């Protein structure tokens, strides 16, 4: 039986590739992003090529109540979600004291609130059915503070901690929760400002497709924390044994090189 995946932030990058991977496996899709036009182009491609059903919803998930609106629309159309993939996210560079508060608030709403609300909406249904999978897009940023990207790193730390906790709560209920932690990715990342300020030498990264394939497989296997790339795994593990102030200092130096 075909599994239906709801994927947020599916108009580009990792979310776009996750949608293609799921369709290639014969799964139906609900794609959510602000740019419905982009989603509709992808819908046409996937339906014609893979004969799957694709529903597109244009929605700004940083707005209060947006997750409920998506949920209600699917409920009205009797669409059940088997895989919830919370991919939508936003980032920003700069010192927090000099930042645009509206952008920081939008980042928190998108990276944390929407992800948490979608999980709360769909998890009870998964528990009642006794099956379901959730994939949350965290980051290698989840493992450390990030001066000059303070809010972004903090939101990703939340995603990792939240995912691990919920994974523990539902591990005996036939449900898995996976936190995908990629490093820098060649992705049309939603934080366009980050990519724009990176020097070219810093842009040699794994592709969105590579990260998406790794994350999708980790979700299917029910892996709780999935860190993409051996180097990233080593760094994420070693950080636990280094004094926090040194980790923060090192993170600041790395971020400054990207400006």
Protein backbone atom coordinates (compact mmCIF):
# COMPACT_ATOMS: atom_id res chain seq x y z
CA UNK A 1 0.00 0.00 0.00
CA UNK A 2 1.31 3.44 -0.96
CA UNK A 3 2.57 5.63 1.88
CA UNK A 4 1.71 9.32 1.89
CA UNK A 5 4.45 11.75 2.92
CA UNK A 6 3.86 15.34 3.94
CA UNK A 7 6.97 17.38 3.20
CA UNK A 8 7.38 21.02 4.20
CA UNK A 9 9.79 23.30 2.37
CA UNK A 10 9.55 21.05 -0.68
CA UNK A 11 10.05 23.70 -3.37
CA UNK A 12 13.84 23.40 -3.40
CA UNK A 13 16.93 21.88 -1.81
CA UNK A 14 16.72 18.85 0.43
CA UNK A 15 12.91 18.94 0.66
CA UNK A 16 12.62 18.94 -3.14
CA UNK A 17 14.89 15.91 -3.40
CA UNK A 18 13.08 14.08 -0.59
CA UNK A 19 9.86 14.53 -2.56
CA UNK A 20 11.45 13.05 -5.67
CA UNK A 21 12.88 10.10 -3.74
CA UNK A 22 9.53 9.28 -2.13
CA UNK A 23 7.75 9.48 -5.50
CA UNK A 24 10.38 7.21 -7.07
CA UNK A 25 9.39 4.61 -4.50
CA UNK A 26 5.73 4.90 -5.48
CA UNK A 27 4.62 7.06 -2.57
CA UNK A 28 1.97 9.77 -2.68
CA UNK A 29 2.86 13.27 -1.52
CA UNK A 30 1.57 16.40 0.15
CA UNK A 31 4.00 19.22 -0.61
CA UNK A 32 3.93 22.46 1.37
CA UNK A 33 5.89 25.66 0.76
CA UNK A 34 5.32 29.35 0.20
CA UNK A 35 5.90 29.05 -3.54
CA UNK A 36 2.97 27.04 -4.85
CA UNK A 37 4.02 27.67 -8.45
CA UNK A 38 7.28 25.77 -7.87
CA UNK A 39 5.40 22.98 -6.13
CA UNK A 40 2.98 22.66 -9.02
CA UNK A 41 5.86 22.24 -11.48
CA UNK A 42 7.23 19.44 -9.31
CA UNK A 43 3.74 17.93 -8.95
CA UNK A 44 3.36 17.69 -12.72
CA UNK A 45 6.75 16.02 -13.11
CA UNK A 46 6.21 13.46 -10.36
CA UNK A 47 2.66 12.54 -11.31
CA UNK A 48 3.56 12.05 -14.96
CA UNK A 49 6.78 10.16 -14.31
CA UNK A 50 5.83 8.01 -11.33
CA UNK A 51 2.01 7.85 -11.47
CA UNK A 52 1.65 9.00 -7.88
CA UNK A 53 -0.80 11.45 -6.34
CA UNK A 54 0.68 14.81 -5.37
CA UNK A 55 -1.18 17.54 -3.50
CA UNK A 56 0.40 20.99 -3.28
CA UNK A 57 -0.38 23.60 -0.64
CA UNK A 58 1.00 27.12 -0.77
CA UNK A 59 1.51 28.22 2.81
CA UNK A 60 3.82 30.48 4.81
CA UNK A 61 4.54 28.19 7.75
CA UNK A 62 6.07 30.98 9.80
CA UNK A 63 2.57 32.40 10.34
CA UNK A 64 0.60 31.46 13.45
CA UNK A 65 -1.91 28.70 12.81
CA UNK A 66 -0.49 27.68 9.43
CA UNK A 67 0.19 24.09 10.49
CA UNK A 68 -3.40 23.74 11.68
CA UNK A 69 -4.64 25.11 8.35
CA UNK A 70 -2.68 22.46 6.46
CA UNK A 71 -3.89 19.75 8.82
CA UNK A 72 -7.53 20.84 8.53
CA UNK A 73 -7.36 20.94 4.72
CA UNK A 74 -6.03 17.39 4.59
CA UNK A 75 -8.60 16.22 7.14
CA UNK A 76 -11.42 17.66 5.03
CA UNK A 77 -10.12 15.65 2.08
CA UNK A 78 -9.64 12.46 4.15
CA UNK A 79 -5.89 12.39 3.51
CA UNK A 80 -3.87 10.45 6.07
CA UNK A 81 -0.16 11.14 6.55
CA UNK A 82 2.19 8.18 7.04
CA UNK A 83 5.49 10.06 6.89
CA UNK A 84 5.82 13.58 8.28
CA UNK A 85 8.95 15.33 6.99
CA UNK A 86 9.55 18.70 8.66
CA UNK A 87 12.11 20.19 6.30
CA UNK A 88 11.20 23.88 6.05
CA UNK A 89 13.75 26.17 7.65
CA UNK A 90 15.42 29.57 7.59
CA UNK A 91 18.80 30.95 8.64
CA UNK A 92 20.61 34.27 8.93
CA UNK A 93 24.11 35.68 9.42
CA UNK A 94 25.10 38.57 11.70
CA UNK A 95 25.47 39.65 15.32
CA UNK A 96 22.24 39.15 17.24
CA UNK A 97 22.23 42.70 18.67
CA UNK A 98 22.31 44.09 15.13
CA UNK A 99 19.80 41.66 13.65
CA UNK A 100 16.36 42.30 12.21
CA UNK A 101 14.02 41.04 14.92
CA UNK A 102 11.27 40.20 12.46
CA UNK A 103 13.61 37.83 10.63
CA UNK A 104 14.68 36.21 13.90
CA UNK A 105 11.06 35.77 14.95
CA UNK A 106 10.19 34.28 11.55
CA UNK A 107 13.11 31.87 11.92
CA UNK A 108 11.93 30.72 15.34
CA UNK A 109 8.36 30.31 14.11
CA UNK A 110 9.43 28.29 11.08
CA UNK A 111 12.32 26.24 12.50
CA UNK A 112 10.69 25.48 15.86
CA UNK A 113 6.99 26.32 16.14
CA UNK A 114 5.74 24.92 12.82
CA UNK A 115 7.83 21.76 13.18
CA UNK A 116 6.61 21.19 16.73
CA UNK A 117 2.98 21.89 15.86
CA UNK A 118 2.97 19.53 12.86
CA UNK A 119 4.44 16.83 15.09
CA UNK A 120 1.78 17.41 17.73
CA UNK A 121 -0.98 17.30 15.12
CA UNK A 122 0.10 14.06 13.44
CA UNK A 123 1.71 12.07 16.24
CA UNK A 124 -1.57 11.08 17.99
CA UNK A 125 -2.89 9.65 14.70
CA UNK A 126 0.30 7.67 14.21
CA UNK A 127 0.02 6.32 17.75
CA UNK A 128 -3.59 5.24 17.15
CA UNK A 129 -2.57 3.45 13.95
CA UNK A 130 0.52 1.93 15.52
CA UNK A 131 2.81 3.11 12.72
CA UNK A 132 4.32 6.23 11.22
CA UNK A 133 7.62 8.00 10.64
CA UNK A 134 8.76 11.54 11.34
CA UNK A 135 11.88 13.13 9.86
CA UNK A 136 12.96 16.48 11.29
CA UNK A 137 15.66 18.56 9.61
CA UNK A 138 18.21 19.43 12.26
CA UNK A 139 21.84 20.25 11.41
CA UNK A 140 25.42 19.80 12.54
CA UNK A 141 24.69 23.24 14.06
CA UNK A 142 22.53 21.35 16.57
CA UNK A 143 25.60 20.26 18.51
CA UNK A 144 27.13 23.65 19.37
CA UNK A 145 26.43 27.35 19.91
CA UNK A 146 26.90 29.53 16.83
CA UNK A 147 28.07 33.11 17.33
CA UNK A 148 26.96 35.27 14.34
CA UNK A 149 24.19 32.71 13.73
CA UNK A 150 23.00 32.48 17.32
CA UNK A 151 19.27 31.98 16.71
CA UNK A 152 19.71 29.55 13.83
CA UNK A 153 22.08 27.29 15.79
CA UNK A 154 19.78 27.48 18.82
CA UNK A 155 16.72 26.47 16.77
CA UNK A 156 18.56 23.47 15.38
CA UNK A 157 19.66 22.45 18.88
CA UNK A 158 15.97 22.48 19.78
CA UNK A 159 15.08 20.29 16.80
CA UNK A 160 17.67 17.69 17.79
CA UNK A 161 16.71 17.65 21.48
CA UNK A 162 12.99 17.57 20.70
CA UNK A 163 13.38 14.77 18.17
CA UNK A 164 15.44 12.59 20.51
CA UNK A 165 12.94 13.05 23.32
CA UNK A 166 9.88 12.26 21.20
CA UNK A 167 11.69 9.30 19.66
CA UNK A 168 12.11 7.87 23.16
CA UNK A 169 8.46 8.48 24.01
CA UNK A 170 7.11 6.59 21.00
CA UNK A 171 9.75 3.92 20.44
CA UNK A 172 7.42 1.16 21.69
CA UNK A 173 4.45 2.36 19.62
CA UNK A 174 5.60 1.41 16.14
CA UNK A 175 6.73 4.96 15.33
CA UNK A 176 10.17 6.38 14.64
CA UNK A 177 11.41 9.96 14.88
CA UNK A 178 14.63 10.87 13.05
CA UNK A 179 16.70 14.04 13.29
CA UNK A 180 18.68 14.51 10.09
CA UNK A 181 21.85 16.51 10.76
CA UNK A 182 23.58 17.60 7.55
CA UNK A 183 26.48 20.00 7.39
CA UNK A 184 26.70 22.67 4.70
CA UNK A 185 24.88 21.38 1.65
CA UNK A 186 24.75 22.41 -1.99
CA UNK A 187 21.09 23.13 -1.70
CA UNK A 188 19.43 26.43 -2.52
CA UNK A 189 19.16 26.45 1.27
CA UNK A 190 16.27 28.49 2.57
CA UNK A 191 18.81 30.70 4.33
CA UNK A 192 19.85 32.34 1.08
CA UNK A 193 21.76 35.01 2.97
CA UNK A 194 24.14 32.37 4.28
CA UNK A 195 25.04 31.06 0.85
CA UNK A 196 25.47 34.55 -0.58
CA UNK A 197 28.13 35.45 1.96
CA UNK A 198 30.18 32.27 1.72
CA UNK A 199 33.41 32.36 -0.26
CA UNK A 200 33.51 29.99 -3.25
CA UNK A 201 36.04 27.71 -1.57
CA UNK A 202 33.51 27.07 1.20
CA UNK A 203 30.88 25.85 -1.26
CA UNK A 204 32.34 22.41 -2.03
CA UNK A 205 29.56 20.50 -0.36
CA UNK A 206 27.51 17.35 -0.74
CA UNK A 207 24.50 17.75 -3.00
CA UNK A 208 20.93 18.03 -1.76
CA UNK A 209 20.26 14.66 -3.40
CA UNK A 210 23.04 12.95 -1.45
CA UNK A 211 21.80 14.35 1.86
CA UNK A 212 18.18 13.55 1.01
CA UNK A 213 18.99 9.94 0.12
CA UNK A 214 20.91 9.52 3.37
CA UNK A 215 18.11 11.10 5.40
CA UNK A 216 15.34 9.12 3.72
CA UNK A 217 17.14 5.82 4.34
CA UNK A 218 17.75 6.80 7.97
CA UNK A 219 14.04 7.59 8.40
CA UNK A 220 12.99 4.25 6.89
CA UNK A 221 15.44 2.41 9.19
CA UNK A 222 14.12 4.31 12.20
CA UNK A 223 17.49 5.84 13.11
CA UNK A 224 17.08 8.55 15.76
CA UNK A 225 20.06 10.80 14.95
CA UNK A 226 21.41 10.73 11.41
CA UNK A 227 24.57 12.81 10.87
CA UNK A 228 25.55 13.03 7.22
CA UNK A 229 29.25 12.63 6.43
CA UNK A 230 32.09 10.99 8.35
CA UNK A 231 33.79 14.31 9.10
CA UNK A 232 30.58 15.73 10.52
CA UNK A 233 30.05 12.63 12.68
CA UNK A 234 33.57 12.91 14.12
CA UNK A 235 33.16 16.61 14.88
CA UNK A 236 29.71 16.17 16.44
CA UNK A 237 31.02 13.38 18.67
CA UNK A 238 34.24 15.13 19.68
CA UNK A 239 32.43 18.32 20.71
CA UNK A 240 31.06 16.49 23.75
CA UNK A 241 34.57 16.15 25.16
CA UNK A 242 35.72 19.74 24.59
CA UNK A 243 35.06 22.61 27.06
CA UNK A 244 32.05 24.62 25.94
CA UNK A 245 33.86 27.96 25.79
CA UNK A 246 36.43 26.47 23.40
CA UNK A 247 33.67 25.06 21.20
CA UNK A 248 31.98 28.47 21.08
CA UNK A 249 35.25 30.26 20.34
CA UNK A 250 36.06 27.86 17.53
CA UNK A 251 32.55 28.19 16.09
CA UNK A 252 32.92 31.99 16.07
CA UNK A 253 36.19 31.78 14.11
CA UNK A 254 34.67 29.39 11.58
CA UNK A 255 31.64 31.61 11.07
CA UNK A 256 33.77 34.73 10.64
CA UNK A 257 35.72 33.03 7.83
CA UNK A 258 32.43 32.63 5.97
CA UNK A 259 31.74 36.37 5.92
